[in-house]
Amino acid sequence: MVVIRLDRIGDVVLSTPVLTALRQRFPHAFIAMMVRSACQDLIKGHPALNETILYDKDGAHHSAWATIRFARALRRYEFDTALILHPSNRSHWIPWLAGIPVRIGYDRKNPWLLTHRAPHRKQEGAQHEAAYTLELLRYFGIDPSTPRPSIAMHADAAQRIAARLSASSIQPHERLVAIHPSASCVSKRWMPERFAQVADRLITEHGVRVCLVAGEADTVYAARVAEAMQHPALNVAGQLPLRDLAALLQRCTLLISNDSGPVHIAAAVGTPVVDIFGRNQRGLSPQRWGPLGEGHVVLHKEVGCVTCLAHNCDIAFLCLTSLQVDEVYRAAVSILQRSSQTKAPTAARP
């Protein structure tokens, strides 16, 4: 069996409850997961998987011919079933071209390529993304359970993070707050100078240490936060592979972030999150994309507009600009006040 999810970091994390449920139902089955190369660190070594298959959509497998060759190469696995957790043209064509006899997915994006189709209602945002993916398990006679994401954690990553923090004079007993000021589009990005003000207040009034994280393409946002801060912060934006980012977030007391992949990584390793949401269209809302688990705070300002699709706004992204520094600060403090309680990590170790 192969589970296919070819979108982004958070999407892959929120699909991991499916892996756990499948392994529980089929303890002796060969189960692989196909993901984009950028997401491999999150699931490579996951105890529910026998193998991770990498599809380099933006690189080696970008062209149609490369995808056809990739699909034909999959035939050596002799998969009997493909479970496609998010509809896309490539996600549906690949298992069809690979000759996988049972292909389960949603009734969008060339659904005729599937043998079993479930209604696609994700855009309604009536439940969490993890719950939507679990619904597909009904085809295996599995009743969807409570979503509980898990990711592969690696001892070498934890050792590297410990060494990096030690080199930055961050002691094991000190509370560390991570700030992730980036996101995939402008309608999800709170202002860097406001992140900086929150960070400075937490340092001054609560004695925490602060680190800044972001992907390689988004280091400019972390740099803007660092430049606006009055106190020093450890800026590791663009420097960490995902396995090291997961280890760093597990070490943190708190993550303050825009709606983005690190939110779900943090939640999966048991670190509480202050999650800042801008747009609130039904399929993009906190109800579908908020962090799973206990102890998180989701901040969203209702401004009477649910039509934002991503990159433009007739009211200057009021949903973001109306969220004040004090509101985020108070949410962070509410979590820090509980920080003496033991976290309950859900990380899966190989």
C-alpha atoms as a PDB file:
ATOM      1  CA  MET A   1       0.000   0.000   0.000  1.00  0.00           C
ATOM      2  CA  VAL A   2       1.179   3.528  -0.748  1.00  0.00           C
ATOM      3  CA  VAL A   3      -0.180   6.684   0.874  1.00  0.00           C
ATOM      4  CA  ILE A   4       0.244   9.767  -1.321  1.00  0.00           C
ATOM      5  CA  ARG A   5       0.444  13.383  -0.150  1.00  0.00           C
ATOM      6  CA  LEU A   6       2.287  15.765  -2.468  1.00  0.00           C
ATOM      7  CA  ASP A   7       1.599  19.181  -0.973  1.00  0.00           C
ATOM      8  CA  ARG A   8       3.290  21.091   1.838  1.00  0.00           C
ATOM      9  CA  ILE A   9       4.831  20.567   5.267  1.00  0.00           C
ATOM     10  CA  GLY A  10       1.787  21.091   7.444  1.00  0.00           C
ATOM     11  CA  ASP A  11      -0.367  18.972   5.148  1.00  0.00           C
ATOM     12  CA  VAL A  12       2.005  16.034   5.508  1.00  0.00           C
ATOM     13  CA  VAL A  13       2.135  16.357   9.304  1.00  0.00           C
ATOM     14  CA  LEU A  14      -1.664  16.405   9.483  1.00  0.00           C
ATOM     15  CA  SER A  15      -1.780  13.226   7.402  1.00  0.00           C
ATOM     16  CA  THR A  16       0.267  11.160   9.843  1.00  0.00           C
ATOM     17  CA  PRO A  17      -2.754   9.969  11.880  1.00  0.00           C
ATOM     18  CA  VAL A  18      -3.708   8.000   8.772  1.00  0.00           C
ATOM     19  CA  LEU A  19      -0.362   6.194   8.862  1.00  0.00           C
ATOM     20  CA  THR A  20      -0.790   5.229  12.501  1.00  0.00           C
ATOM     21  CA  ALA A  21      -4.342   3.988  11.931  1.00  0.00           C
ATOM     22  CA  LEU A  22      -3.325   1.926   8.911  1.00  0.00           C
ATOM     23  CA  ARG A  23      -0.453   0.302  10.796  1.00  0.00           C
ATOM     24  CA  GLN A  24      -2.751  -0.577  13.692  1.00  0.00           C
ATOM     25  CA  ARG A  25      -5.263  -2.111  11.285  1.00  0.00           C
ATOM     26  CA  PHE A  26      -2.680  -3.876   9.097  1.00  0.00           C
ATOM     27  CA  PRO A  27       0.287  -4.662  11.372  1.00  0.00           C
ATOM     28  CA  HIS A  28       2.072  -6.852   8.806  1.00  0.00           C
ATOM     29  CA  ALA A  29       1.396  -4.847   5.639  1.00  0.00           C
ATOM     30  CA  PHE A  30       4.070  -3.085   3.595  1.00  0.00           C
ATOM     31  CA  ILE A  31       3.136   0.589   3.873  1.00  0.00           C
ATOM     32  CA  ALA A  32       4.979   3.361   2.047  1.00  0.00           C
ATOM     33  CA  MET A  33       4.291   7.076   1.836  1.00  0.00           C
ATOM     34  CA  MET A  34       4.992   9.238  -1.182  1.00  0.00           C
ATOM     35  CA  VAL A  35       5.829  12.870  -0.409  1.00  0.00           C
ATOM     36  CA  ARG A  36       7.713  15.741  -1.944  1.00  0.00           C
ATOM     37  CA  SER A  37      11.443  15.691  -1.293  1.00  0.00           C
ATOM     38  CA  ALA A  38      11.161  18.796   0.891  1.00  0.00           C
ATOM     39  CA  CYS A  39       8.978  16.905   3.388  1.00  0.00           C
ATOM     40  CA  GLN A  40      10.981  13.705   3.752  1.00  0.00           C
ATOM     41  CA  ASP A  41      12.544  14.547   7.125  1.00  0.00           C
ATOM     42  CA  LEU A  42       9.112  14.565   8.740  1.00  0.00           C
ATOM     43  CA  ILE A  43       8.246  10.957   7.956  1.00  0.00           C
ATOM     44  CA  LYS A  44      11.452   9.143   6.993  1.00  0.00           C
ATOM     45  CA  GLY A  45      11.872   6.663   9.814  1.00  0.00           C
ATOM     46  CA  HIS A  46       8.268   6.931  10.999  1.00  0.00           C
ATOM     47  CA  PRO A  47       7.455   3.646  12.782  1.00  0.00           C
ATOM     48  CA  ALA A  48       4.236   3.187  10.810  1.00  0.00           C
ATOM     49  CA  LEU A  49       6.121   3.141   7.503  1.00  0.00           C
ATOM     50  CA  ASN A  50       8.283   0.589   5.752  1.00  0.00           C
ATOM     51  CA  GLU A  51       9.531   3.062   3.181  1.00  0.00           C
ATOM     52  CA  THR A  52       9.403   6.706   2.119  1.00  0.00           C
ATOM     53  CA  ILE A  53       9.131   7.439  -1.604  1.00  0.00           C
ATOM     54  CA  LEU A  54      10.281  10.868  -2.747  1.00  0.00           C
ATOM     55  CA  TYR A  55       8.632  12.704  -5.616  1.00  0.00           C
ATOM     56  CA  ASP A  56      10.583  15.801  -6.635  1.00  0.00           C
ATOM     57  CA  LYS A  57       7.751  17.775  -8.211  1.00  0.00           C
ATOM     58  CA  ASP A  58       9.765  20.970  -8.577  1.00  0.00           C
ATOM     59  CA  GLY A  59      12.974  19.304  -9.702  1.00  0.00           C
ATOM     60  CA  ALA A  60      13.831  15.924 -11.171  1.00  0.00           C
ATOM     61  CA  HIS A  61      10.196  14.921 -11.750  1.00  0.00           C
ATOM     62  CA  HIS A  62       8.855  18.270 -12.922  1.00  0.00           C
ATOM     63  CA  SER A  63       8.232  17.339 -16.561  1.00  0.00           C
ATOM     64  CA  ALA A  64       5.477  15.054 -17.772  1.00  0.00           C
ATOM     65  CA  TRP A  65       7.961  12.525 -19.153  1.00  0.00           C
ATOM     66  CA  ALA A  66       9.881  12.430 -15.877  1.00  0.00           C
ATOM     67  CA  THR A  67       6.640  11.810 -14.008  1.00  0.00           C
ATOM     68  CA  ILE A  68       5.740   8.979 -16.378  1.00  0.00           C
ATOM     69  CA  ARG A  69       9.142   7.368 -15.813  1.00  0.00           C
ATOM     70  CA  PHE A  70       8.718   7.822 -12.052  1.00  0.00           C
ATOM     71  CA  ALA A  71       5.299   6.158 -12.142  1.00  0.00           C
ATOM     72  CA  ARG A  72       6.561   3.233 -14.200  1.00  0.00           C
ATOM     73  CA  ALA A  73       9.399   2.718 -11.723  1.00  0.00           C
ATOM     74  CA  LEU A  74       6.808   2.321  -8.964  1.00  0.00           C
ATOM     75  CA  ARG A  75       5.572  -0.882 -10.581  1.00  0.00           C
ATOM     76  CA  ARG A  76       8.413  -2.827  -8.999  1.00  0.00           C
ATOM     77  CA  TYR A  77       6.739  -2.375  -5.611  1.00  0.00           C
ATOM     78  CA  GLU A  78       3.594  -4.172  -6.812  1.00  0.00           C
ATOM     79  CA  PHE A  79       1.392  -1.991  -4.624  1.00  0.00           C
ATOM     80  CA  ASP A  80      -2.175  -3.246  -4.383  1.00  0.00           C
ATOM     81  CA  THR A  81      -3.648   0.028  -3.087  1.00  0.00           C
ATOM     82  CA  ALA A  82      -2.978   3.748  -3.347  1.00  0.00           C
ATOM     83  CA  LEU A  83      -4.567   6.123  -0.848  1.00  0.00           C
ATOM     84  CA  ILE A  84      -4.484   9.719  -2.126  1.00  0.00           C
ATOM     85  CA  LEU A  85      -5.056  12.131   0.758  1.00  0.00           C
ATOM     86  CA  HIS A  86      -5.284  15.342  -1.255  1.00  0.00           C
ATOM     87  CA  PRO A  87      -6.526  15.607  -4.836  1.00  0.00           C
ATOM     88  CA  SER A  88      -4.175  16.845  -7.524  1.00  0.00           C
ATOM     89  CA  ASN A  89      -3.618  15.898 -11.123  1.00  0.00           C
ATOM     90  CA  ARG A  90      -0.216  14.360 -10.417  1.00  0.00           C
ATOM     91  CA  SER A  91      -1.412  12.521  -7.303  1.00  0.00           C
ATOM     92  CA  HIS A  92      -4.069  10.811  -9.414  1.00  0.00           C
ATOM     93  CA  TRP A  93      -2.069  10.196 -12.577  1.00  0.00           C
ATOM     94  CA  ILE A  94       0.928   8.607 -10.847  1.00  0.00           C
ATOM     95  CA  PRO A  95      -0.851   5.590  -9.278  1.00  0.00           C
ATOM     96  CA  TRP A  96      -2.889   5.101 -12.455  1.00  0.00           C
ATOM     97  CA  LEU A  97       0.262   5.061 -14.581  1.00  0.00           C
ATOM     98  CA  ALA A  98       1.893   2.753 -12.034  1.00  0.00           C
ATOM     99  CA  GLY A  99      -0.896   0.235 -12.546  1.00  0.00           C
ATOM    100  CA  ILE A 100      -1.971   0.164  -8.900  1.00  0.00           C
ATOM    101  CA  PRO A 101      -5.314  -1.681  -9.006  1.00  0.00           C
ATOM    102  CA  VAL A 102      -7.122   0.061  -6.131  1.00  0.00           C
ATOM    103  CA  ARG A 103      -6.900   3.873  -6.079  1.00  0.00           C
ATOM    104  CA  ILE A 104      -8.815   5.682  -3.343  1.00  0.00           C
ATOM    105  CA  GLY A 105      -9.203   9.454  -3.183  1.00  0.00           C
ATOM    106  CA  TYR A 106     -11.520  12.411  -3.643  1.00  0.00           C
ATOM    107  CA  ASP A 107     -13.843  13.241  -6.534  1.00  0.00           C
ATOM    108  CA  ARG A 108     -11.799  16.161  -7.875  1.00  0.00           C
ATOM    109  CA  LYS A 109      -8.925  16.622 -10.359  1.00  0.00           C
ATOM    110  CA  ASN A 110      -9.506  13.821 -12.891  1.00  0.00           C
ATOM    111  CA  PRO A 111     -11.426  11.584 -10.488  1.00  0.00           C
ATOM    112  CA  TRP A 112     -12.005   9.055 -13.278  1.00  0.00           C
ATOM    113  CA  LEU A 113      -8.433   7.923 -12.593  1.00  0.00           C
ATOM    114  CA  LEU A 114      -9.611   6.554  -9.228  1.00  0.00           C
ATOM    115  CA  THR A 115     -11.435   3.322  -8.490  1.00  0.00           C
ATOM    116  CA  HIS A 116     -13.022   4.631  -5.283  1.00  0.00           C
ATOM    117  CA  ARG A 117     -14.049   8.266  -4.832  1.00  0.00           C
ATOM    118  CA  ALA A 118     -15.153  10.120  -1.714  1.00  0.00           C
ATOM    119  CA  PRO A 119     -16.968  13.472  -1.879  1.00  0.00           C
ATOM    120  CA  HIS A 120     -14.508  16.353  -1.615  1.00  0.00           C
ATOM    121  CA  ARG A 121     -15.853  18.753   1.009  1.00  0.00           C
ATOM    122  CA  LYS A 122     -12.628  20.156   2.419  1.00  0.00           C
ATOM    123  CA  GLN A 123     -13.390  23.605   1.044  1.00  0.00           C
ATOM    124  CA  GLU A 124     -16.372  23.767   3.408  1.00  0.00           C
ATOM    125  CA  GLY A 125     -14.024  23.737   6.396  1.00  0.00           C
ATOM    126  CA  ALA A 126     -16.563  21.941   8.573  1.00  0.00           C
ATOM    127  CA  GLN A 127     -13.888  19.908  10.358  1.00  0.00           C
ATOM    128  CA  HIS A 128     -10.144  19.676  10.724  1.00  0.00           C
ATOM    129  CA  GLU A 129      -7.914  18.651   7.812  1.00  0.00           C
ATOM    130  CA  ALA A 130      -6.707  15.641   9.802  1.00  0.00           C
ATOM    131  CA  ALA A 131     -10.300  14.525  10.302  1.00  0.00           C
ATOM    132  CA  TYR A 132     -11.002  14.837   6.585  1.00  0.00           C
ATOM    133  CA  THR A 133      -8.092  12.555   5.720  1.00  0.00           C
ATOM    134  CA  LEU A 134      -9.132  10.011   8.321  1.00  0.00           C
ATOM    135  CA  GLU A 135     -12.537   9.706   6.663  1.00  0.00           C
ATOM    136  CA  LEU A 136     -10.926   7.910   3.725  1.00  0.00           C
ATOM    137  CA  LEU A 137     -10.078   5.049   6.079  1.00  0.00           C
ATOM    138  CA  ARG A 138     -13.702   3.946   6.007  1.00  0.00           C
ATOM    139  CA  TYR A 139     -12.847   2.165   2.760  1.00  0.00           C
ATOM    140  CA  PHE A 140     -10.652  -0.139   4.860  1.00  0.00           C
ATOM    141  CA  GLY A 141     -13.309  -0.710   7.500  1.00  0.00           C
ATOM    142  CA  ILE A 142     -11.523   1.610   9.925  1.00  0.00           C
ATOM    143  CA  ASP A 143     -13.599   4.030  11.962  1.00  0.00           C
ATOM    144  CA  PRO A 144     -11.861   7.421  12.058  1.00  0.00           C
ATOM    145  CA  SER A 145     -10.297   8.078  15.439  1.00  0.00           C
ATOM    146  CA  THR A 146      -9.229  11.259  17.164  1.00  0.00           C
ATOM    147  CA  PRO A 147      -6.468  12.883  15.085  1.00  0.00           C
ATOM    148  CA  ARG A 148      -3.071  12.665  16.736  1.00  0.00           C
ATOM    149  CA  PRO A 149      -0.215  13.721  14.445  1.00  0.00           C
ATOM    150  CA  SER A 150       3.243  12.253  14.890  1.00  0.00           C
ATOM    151  CA  ILE A 151       6.509  12.802  13.073  1.00  0.00           C
ATOM    152  CA  ALA A 152       9.816  10.984  12.940  1.00  0.00           C
ATOM    153  CA  MET A 153      12.307  12.322  15.489  1.00  0.00           C
ATOM    154  CA  HIS A 154      16.033  11.691  15.275  1.00  0.00           C
ATOM    155  CA  ALA A 155      18.621  11.574  18.066  1.00  0.00           C
ATOM    156  CA  ASP A 156      21.304  13.135  15.885  1.00  0.00           C
ATOM    157  CA  ALA A 157      19.089  16.172  15.296  1.00  0.00           C
ATOM    158  CA  ALA A 158      18.521  16.640  19.027  1.00  0.00           C
ATOM    159  CA  GLN A 159      22.275  16.464  19.595  1.00  0.00           C
ATOM    160  CA  ARG A 160      22.955  19.088  16.937  1.00  0.00           C
ATOM    161  CA  ILE A 161      20.354  21.421  18.408  1.00  0.00           C
ATOM    162  CA  ALA A 162      21.734  20.970  21.922  1.00  0.00           C
ATOM    163  CA  ALA A 163      25.214  21.838  20.655  1.00  0.00           C
ATOM    164  CA  ARG A 164      23.962  24.889  18.762  1.00  0.00           C
ATOM    165  CA  LEU A 165      22.058  26.203  21.776  1.00  0.00           C
ATOM    166  CA  SER A 166      25.040  25.617  24.041  1.00  0.00           C
ATOM    167  CA  ALA A 167      27.276  27.530  21.625  1.00  0.00           C
ATOM    168  CA  SER A 168      24.785  30.403  21.845  1.00  0.00           C
ATOM    169  CA  SER A 169      24.899  30.309  25.682  1.00  0.00           C
ATOM    170  CA  ILE A 170      21.307  29.092  25.933  1.00  0.00           C
ATOM    171  CA  GLN A 171      21.235  26.805  28.946  1.00  0.00           C
ATOM    172  CA  PRO A 172      19.077  23.669  29.232  1.00  0.00           C
ATOM    173  CA  HIS A 173      17.060  25.156  32.106  1.00  0.00           C
ATOM    174  CA  GLU A 174      16.185  28.365  30.245  1.00  0.00           C
ATOM    175  CA  ARG A 175      12.797  28.758  28.642  1.00  0.00           C
ATOM    176  CA  LEU A 176      13.129  29.139  24.892  1.00  0.00           C
ATOM    177  CA  VAL A 177      10.460  30.772  22.733  1.00  0.00           C
ATOM    178  CA  ALA A 178      10.535  30.223  18.973  1.00  0.00           C
ATOM    179  CA  ILE A 179       9.097  32.812  16.616  1.00  0.00           C
ATOM    180  CA  HIS A 180       8.161  31.939  13.049  1.00  0.00           C
ATOM    181  CA  PRO A 181       7.233  35.188  11.255  1.00  0.00           C
ATOM    182  CA  SER A 182       6.782  33.779   7.756  1.00  0.00           C
ATOM    183  CA  ALA A 183       3.972  32.095   5.831  1.00  0.00           C
ATOM    184  CA  SER A 184       3.190  31.089   2.276  1.00  0.00           C
ATOM    185  CA  CYS A 185       1.296  34.255   1.347  1.00  0.00           C
ATOM    186  CA  VAL A 186       0.807  37.823   2.509  1.00  0.00           C
ATOM    187  CA  SER A 187      -2.687  37.213   3.875  1.00  0.00           C
ATOM    188  CA  LYS A 188      -1.106  34.973   6.533  1.00  0.00           C
ATOM    189  CA  ARG A 189       1.796  37.183   7.644  1.00  0.00           C
ATOM    190  CA  TRP A 190       1.552  39.317  10.769  1.00  0.00           C
ATOM    191  CA  MET A 191       3.922  42.283  10.807  1.00  0.00           C
ATOM    192  CA  PRO A 192       7.591  41.554  11.703  1.00  0.00           C
ATOM    193  CA  GLU A 193       7.894  44.635  13.920  1.00  0.00           C
ATOM    194  CA  ARG A 194       5.003  43.378  16.042  1.00  0.00           C
ATOM    195  CA  PHE A 195       6.629  39.988  16.457  1.00  0.00           C
ATOM    196  CA  ALA A 196       9.722  41.898  17.600  1.00  0.00           C
ATOM    197  CA  GLN A 197       7.750  43.820  20.218  1.00  0.00           C
ATOM    198  CA  VAL A 198       6.224  40.625  21.583  1.00  0.00           C
ATOM    199  CA  ALA A 199       9.668  39.012  21.763  1.00  0.00           C
ATOM    200  CA  ASP A 200      11.215  41.983  23.580  1.00  0.00           C
ATOM    201  CA  ARG A 201       8.431  42.053  26.169  1.00  0.00           C
ATOM    202  CA  LEU A 202       8.766  38.334  26.835  1.00  0.00           C
ATOM    203  CA  ILE A 203      12.519  38.714  27.300  1.00  0.00           C
ATOM    204  CA  THR A 204      12.216  41.761  29.552  1.00  0.00           C
ATOM    205  CA  GLU A 205       9.279  40.647  31.671  1.00  0.00           C
ATOM    206  CA  HIS A 206       9.667  36.861  31.739  1.00  0.00           C
ATOM    207  CA  GLY A 207      13.353  36.220  31.150  1.00  0.00           C
ATOM    208  CA  VAL A 208      12.907  33.881  28.211  1.00  0.00           C
ATOM    209  CA  ARG A 209      15.371  33.318  25.395  1.00  0.00           C
ATOM    210  CA  VAL A 210      14.152  33.769  21.828  1.00  0.00           C
ATOM    211  CA  CYS A 211      15.029  32.031  18.580  1.00  0.00           C
ATOM    212  CA  LEU A 212      13.829  32.940  15.092  1.00  0.00           C
ATOM    213  CA  VAL A 213      12.986  30.240  12.555  1.00  0.00           C
ATOM    214  CA  ALA A 214      11.973  30.272   8.890  1.00  0.00           C
ATOM    215  CA  GLY A 215      12.621  28.396   5.681  1.00  0.00           C
ATOM    216  CA  GLU A 216      15.426  29.191   3.266  1.00  0.00           C
ATOM    217  CA  ALA A 217      13.166  31.321   1.061  1.00  0.00           C
ATOM    218  CA  ASP A 218      11.805  33.340   3.983  1.00  0.00           C
ATOM    219  CA  THR A 219      14.870  34.455   5.908  1.00  0.00           C
ATOM    220  CA  VAL A 220      14.047  38.096   5.156  1.00  0.00           C
ATOM    221  CA  TYR A 221      11.111  37.988   7.592  1.00  0.00           C
ATOM    222  CA  ALA A 222      13.237  36.645  10.434  1.00  0.00           C
ATOM    223  CA  ALA A 223      15.881  39.265   9.634  1.00  0.00           C
ATOM    224  CA  ARG A 224      13.274  42.015   9.920  1.00  0.00           C
ATOM    225  CA  VAL A 225      12.218  40.732  13.333  1.00  0.00           C
ATOM    226  CA  ALA A 226      15.841  40.582  14.506  1.00  0.00           C
ATOM    227  CA  GLU A 227      16.529  44.110  13.255  1.00  0.00           C
ATOM    228  CA  ALA A 228      13.473  45.483  15.050  1.00  0.00           C
ATOM    229  CA  MET A 229      14.255  43.801  18.385  1.00  0.00           C
ATOM    230  CA  GLN A 230      15.949  45.621  21.247  1.00  0.00           C
ATOM    231  CA  HIS A 231      17.336  42.363  22.647  1.00  0.00           C
ATOM    232  CA  PRO A 232      19.441  39.704  20.894  1.00  0.00           C
ATOM    233  CA  ALA A 233      17.802  36.580  19.522  1.00  0.00           C
ATOM    234  CA  LEU A 234      19.220  33.404  18.041  1.00  0.00           C
ATOM    235  CA  ASN A 235      18.377  33.602  14.342  1.00  0.00           C
ATOM    236  CA  VAL A 236      18.521  30.171  12.712  1.00  0.00           C
ATOM    237  CA  ALA A 237      16.202  31.014   9.819  1.00  0.00           C
ATOM    238  CA  GLY A 238      17.142  29.118   6.692  1.00  0.00           C
ATOM    239  CA  GLN A 239      19.794  27.089   8.523  1.00  0.00           C
ATOM    240  CA  LEU A 240      17.922  24.018   9.741  1.00  0.00           C
ATOM    241  CA  PRO A 241      16.717  20.934   7.900  1.00  0.00           C
ATOM    242  CA  LEU A 242      13.246  19.884   8.992  1.00  0.00           C
ATOM    243  CA  ARG A 243      14.526  17.160  11.328  1.00  0.00           C
ATOM    244  CA  ASP A 244      16.575  19.778  13.204  1.00  0.00           C
ATOM    245  CA  LEU A 245      13.677  22.232  13.234  1.00  0.00           C
ATOM    246  CA  ALA A 246      11.505  19.550  14.830  1.00  0.00           C
ATOM    247  CA  ALA A 247      14.160  18.935  17.491  1.00  0.00           C
ATOM    248  CA  LEU A 248      14.452  22.665  18.166  1.00  0.00           C
ATOM    249  CA  LEU A 249      10.692  23.096  18.487  1.00  0.00           C
ATOM    250  CA  GLN A 250      10.540  20.145  20.864  1.00  0.00           C
ATOM    251  CA  ARG A 251      13.128  21.895  23.044  1.00  0.00           C
ATOM    252  CA  CYS A 252      11.083  25.123  23.053  1.00  0.00           C
ATOM    253  CA  THR A 253       8.560  26.102  25.678  1.00  0.00           C
ATOM    254  CA  LEU A 254       6.412  27.892  23.120  1.00  0.00           C
ATOM    255  CA  LEU A 255       6.115  28.703  19.419  1.00  0.00           C
ATOM    256  CA  ILE A 256       4.572  31.969  18.235  1.00  0.00           C
ATOM    257  CA  SER A 257       3.799  31.667  14.552  1.00  0.00           C
ATOM    258  CA  ASN A 258       1.736  32.659  11.595  1.00  0.00           C
ATOM    259  CA  ASP A 259      -0.482  29.963  10.121  1.00  0.00           C
ATOM    260  CA  SER A 260       2.209  27.769   8.566  1.00  0.00           C
ATOM    261  CA  GLY A 261       3.856  24.343   8.632  1.00  0.00           C
ATOM    262  CA  PRO A 262       5.951  24.818  11.811  1.00  0.00           C
ATOM    263  CA  VAL A 263       2.694  25.204  13.758  1.00  0.00           C
ATOM    264  CA  HIS A 264       1.863  21.573  13.042  1.00  0.00           C
ATOM    265  CA  ILE A 265       5.407  20.359  13.640  1.00  0.00           C
ATOM    266  CA  ALA A 266       5.359  22.017  17.070  1.00  0.00           C
ATOM    267  CA  ALA A 267       1.958  20.557  17.900  1.00  0.00           C
ATOM    268  CA  ALA A 268       3.148  17.096  16.846  1.00  0.00           C
ATOM    269  CA  VAL A 269       6.133  17.233  19.228  1.00  0.00           C
ATOM    270  CA  GLY A 270       4.047  18.531  22.132  1.00  0.00           C
ATOM    271  CA  THR A 271       5.055  22.201  22.116  1.00  0.00           C
ATOM    272  CA  PRO A 272       2.189  24.686  22.630  1.00  0.00           C
ATOM    273  CA  VAL A 273       1.566  27.284  19.952  1.00  0.00           C
ATOM    274  CA  VAL A 274       0.219  30.806  19.667  1.00  0.00           C
ATOM    275  CA  ASP A 275      -1.141  30.553  16.129  1.00  0.00           C
ATOM    276  CA  ILE A 276      -1.928  33.803  14.303  1.00  0.00           C
ATOM    277  CA  PHE A 277      -4.617  33.552  11.644  1.00  0.00           C
ATOM    278  CA  GLY A 278      -5.517  36.224   9.129  1.00  0.00           C
ATOM    279  CA  ARG A 279      -7.922  35.070   6.442  1.00  0.00           C
ATOM    280  CA  ASN A 280     -10.944  33.113   7.562  1.00  0.00           C
ATOM    281  CA  GLN A 281     -12.517  31.757   4.412  1.00  0.00           C
ATOM    282  CA  ARG A 282     -14.280  28.513   5.325  1.00  0.00           C
ATOM    283  CA  GLY A 283     -11.750  26.142   3.807  1.00  0.00           C
ATOM    284  CA  LEU A 284      -8.835  28.217   5.127  1.00  0.00           C
ATOM    285  CA  SER A 285     -10.105  28.758   8.653  1.00  0.00           C
ATOM    286  CA  PRO A 286      -8.652  27.804  12.050  1.00  0.00           C
ATOM    287  CA  GLN A 287     -11.332  25.143  12.296  1.00  0.00           C
ATOM    288  CA  ARG A 288      -9.665  23.277   9.440  1.00  0.00           C
ATOM    289  CA  TRP A 289      -6.028  24.328   9.871  1.00  0.00           C
ATOM    290  CA  GLY A 290      -5.483  25.182  13.531  1.00  0.00           C
ATOM    291  CA  PRO A 291      -2.987  23.235  15.690  1.00  0.00           C
ATOM    292  CA  LEU A 292      -4.221  19.922  17.049  1.00  0.00           C
ATOM    293  CA  GLY A 293      -3.945  19.030  20.701  1.00  0.00           C
ATOM    294  CA  GLU A 294      -4.338  20.812  24.011  1.00  0.00           C
ATOM    295  CA  GLY A 295      -2.822  24.042  25.265  1.00  0.00           C
ATOM    296  CA  HIS A 296      -2.675  26.040  22.032  1.00  0.00           C
ATOM    297  CA  VAL A 297      -4.072  29.536  21.497  1.00  0.00           C
ATOM    298  CA  VAL A 298      -5.452  30.542  18.097  1.00  0.00           C
ATOM    299  CA  LEU A 299      -5.775  34.274  17.469  1.00  0.00           C
ATOM    300  CA  HIS A 300      -8.056  35.543  14.736  1.00  0.00           C
ATOM    301  CA  LYS A 301      -9.709  38.936  14.371  1.00  0.00           C
ATOM    302  CA  GLU A 302     -13.155  38.748  12.844  1.00  0.00           C
ATOM    303  CA  VAL A 303     -13.477  41.789  10.557  1.00  0.00           C
ATOM    304  CA  GLY A 304     -16.552  40.763   8.613  1.00  0.00           C
ATOM    305  CA  CYS A 305     -14.696  39.550   5.534  1.00  0.00           C
ATOM    306  CA  VAL A 306     -14.295  35.949   4.428  1.00  0.00           C
ATOM    307  CA  THR A 307     -13.477  36.428   0.753  1.00  0.00           C
ATOM    308  CA  CYS A 308      -9.685  36.733   0.893  1.00  0.00           C
ATOM    309  CA  LEU A 309      -8.036  34.168  -1.343  1.00  0.00           C
ATOM    310  CA  ALA A 310      -4.401  34.986  -0.672  1.00  0.00           C
ATOM    311  CA  HIS A 311      -2.576  37.825  -2.325  1.00  0.00           C
ATOM    312  CA  ASN A 312      -4.849  40.863  -2.342  1.00  0.00           C
ATOM    313  CA  CYS A 313      -7.218  42.621   0.025  1.00  0.00           C
ATOM    314  CA  ASP A 314      -9.574  45.573  -0.427  1.00  0.00           C
ATOM    315  CA  ILE A 315      -9.307  46.522   3.248  1.00  0.00           C
ATOM    316  CA  ALA A 316      -5.510  46.263   3.639  1.00  0.00           C
ATOM    317  CA  PHE A 317      -5.531  42.940   5.511  1.00  0.00           C
ATOM    318  CA  LEU A 318      -7.427  44.360   8.456  1.00  0.00           C
ATOM    319  CA  CYS A 319      -7.680  40.850   9.908  1.00  0.00           C
ATOM    320  CA  LEU A 320      -3.918  41.035  10.503  1.00  0.00           C
ATOM    321  CA  THR A 321      -3.351  44.711  11.231  1.00  0.00           C
ATOM    322  CA  SER A 322      -6.110  44.789  13.855  1.00  0.00           C
ATOM    323  CA  LEU A 323      -4.368  42.098  15.929  1.00  0.00           C
ATOM    324  CA  GLN A 324      -2.409  44.031  18.533  1.00  0.00           C
ATOM    325  CA  VAL A 325       0.913  43.258  20.185  1.00  0.00           C
ATOM    326  CA  ASP A 326      -0.680  43.051  23.618  1.00  0.00           C
ATOM    327  CA  GLU A 327      -3.117  40.359  22.489  1.00  0.00           C
ATOM    328  CA  VAL A 328      -0.328  38.110  21.226  1.00  0.00           C
ATOM    329  CA  TYR A 329       1.800  38.877  24.279  1.00  0.00           C
ATOM    330  CA  ARG A 330      -1.003  37.945  26.678  1.00  0.00           C
ATOM    331  CA  ALA A 331      -1.640  34.700  24.794  1.00  0.00           C
ATOM    332  CA  ALA A 332       2.058  33.834  25.050  1.00  0.00           C
ATOM    333  CA  VAL A 333       2.144  34.632  28.765  1.00  0.00           C
ATOM    334  CA  SER A 334      -0.874  32.417  29.391  1.00  0.00           C
ATOM    335  CA  ILE A 335       1.104  29.509  27.945  1.00  0.00           C
ATOM    336  CA  LEU A 336       4.341  30.396  29.744  1.00  0.00           C
ATOM    337  CA  GLN A 337       2.478  30.364  33.034  1.00  0.00           C
ATOM    338  CA  ARG A 338       1.663  26.714  32.360  1.00  0.00           C
ATOM    339  CA  SER A 339       5.174  25.876  31.166  1.00  0.00           C
ATOM    340  CA  SER A 340       6.141  24.091  34.365  1.00  0.00           C
ATOM    341  CA  GLN A 341       3.676  21.362  33.419  1.00  0.00           C
ATOM    342  CA  THR A 342       5.095  18.407  31.545  1.00  0.00           C
ATOM    343  CA  LYS A 343       4.597  18.496  27.802  1.00  0.00           C
ATOM    344  CA  ALA A 344       3.064  15.463  26.139  1.00  0.00           C
ATOM    345  CA  PRO A 345       5.048  14.934  22.941  1.00  0.00           C
ATOM    346  CA  THR A 346       3.517  12.811  20.219  1.00  0.00           C
ATOM    347  CA  ALA A 347       6.700  12.441  18.203  1.00  0.00           C
ATOM    348  CA  ALA A 348       7.328   9.075  16.617  1.00  0.00           C
ATOM    349  CA  ARG A 349      10.847   7.773  16.974  1.00  0.00           C
ATOM    350  CA  PRO A 350      12.359   5.382  14.479  1.00  0.00           C
END
